[in-house]
Amino acid sequence: MDHISFSSDNTHWTSCILDIPQVIRTKLDNFATRLAFGNQLDRLDEMENGSGNDQQTSISLKRDSLFEHIKSVSTFEKFTLALTLVVRKINVIRNFIMRNYIHPVTLENDRYKNFQRQCQIGESINLYSKDHQQLDAKIIRGGELDEVRPIFVMCPGNGMSYENWLDLAQNIARSHKVDVLLYNSRGIGLSLGEPHHTDELVEDCKAAINYALDLCEDSTRVEVLGLSLGGGITATALHEIQKEEKFKEIGLYINVNSFPSIPGVLNGLADVPVWSGRIALGVLGLNPLNAGDALSEGKLASKTVVITAENDHIMKGNGRLSTYLNDKEEIAFHMTEKGYHSSCPWDVIDEHIQEFTINSSESKVSI
């Protein structure tokens, strides 16, 4: 990621700031806040101006949450974040590719679509990525608030918002007595910030998974599903969190209609050599989302399921994750007959969730 870091030890900078008179320190902090969080604050203003009275209450809560988060960020961190944002925006070619091909933000006009309905389903929460972007998220509980249950994290595909999955998430929560966590990555739905980099999408996903890990405490009771681009993002995010030694393995990972890497997709579509795609993305500073390597190098979950659609016109040939991993006996593969890229066999997914829930309950009882 394009992240500015002057030093691993900011003690010197902090002491310098503390030597400045309080009035000047306050002005510096306000200035840094505007530079680092101005985009998110402006987006909240836009939401508020275009909303009704009922919606303004929810937006006001999001603003309060952001202000509380800002208080926890030091002046130095704010200036660092501001510089990082500037560097991200400078790469015009990368931003064009991100916004038009890898992660097109197509839901600007749907920002308030079904707003009232989504407020009535589940519990709205705000997640914060490593780079302090506020992400809109929802928890749909499968039982009483004080009960500890398995958590099912859902990562939508390219340009999709979690609102599309609310009814499905509610059914999963009720049927399997699990808590379902959904989130929108930056720039989608009511999530703030803008996507400039594939690493940012991974960080957004890591924020959701880390929240689930903290909430559940036992990583083997966490399950994750990623669809299409979300499959590449979730595999990469899980691999990075695992390398950070935050968990040994989660309980269940389901990857639907996804790819081994972004260069792999190009190879499947146009027979472009994978190595050339990796070089191109490297020059642009884009994370290739190596889902295939993430699933090959280690065991991310007690059970991993890779689902492929027979007639997928986007993930073709070597561009399919299942093709890349076809020699991995520990992975469960499923081919959706006559299915297309948008096909998602929920009956198959439902069976795996049911199996996971039963095993999770038995494990809890034996302990």
Foldseek 3Di string as FASTA:
>chain_A
DLFDDPDPDCPVVVVVLVVDDPVVSVVLQVVLCCLQCVQQVVLLVVVCVPDDPVVNVVSVVVVVVLVVVSVVADSVLSNRNSVSVVVLVVLPVLQCCCCPPLAPQPCPVCLCPCVVVVVVAADWDWWAFPSGWTKIKGKHFLDDPPDQAQEEEEAEDHNDACVVCRVVQNCLSPVLRYIYMYIDQDSYRSTHDDDRAQVSLLRRLLRRLVVNCVRNVAQQSYEYEAAESRLLSNLVNLLVVVVVVSHVAYNEYEYEAYFQWQLQLVCFQPVDDSVVVVVVCVVSVHDRSRSLCSVVVHHHHQAYEYEHEPAENRCGDSGGSCNSCVVPPRYHYYYHYVDYSPDDPVVVVSVVSNVSSVVVVVVVVVD
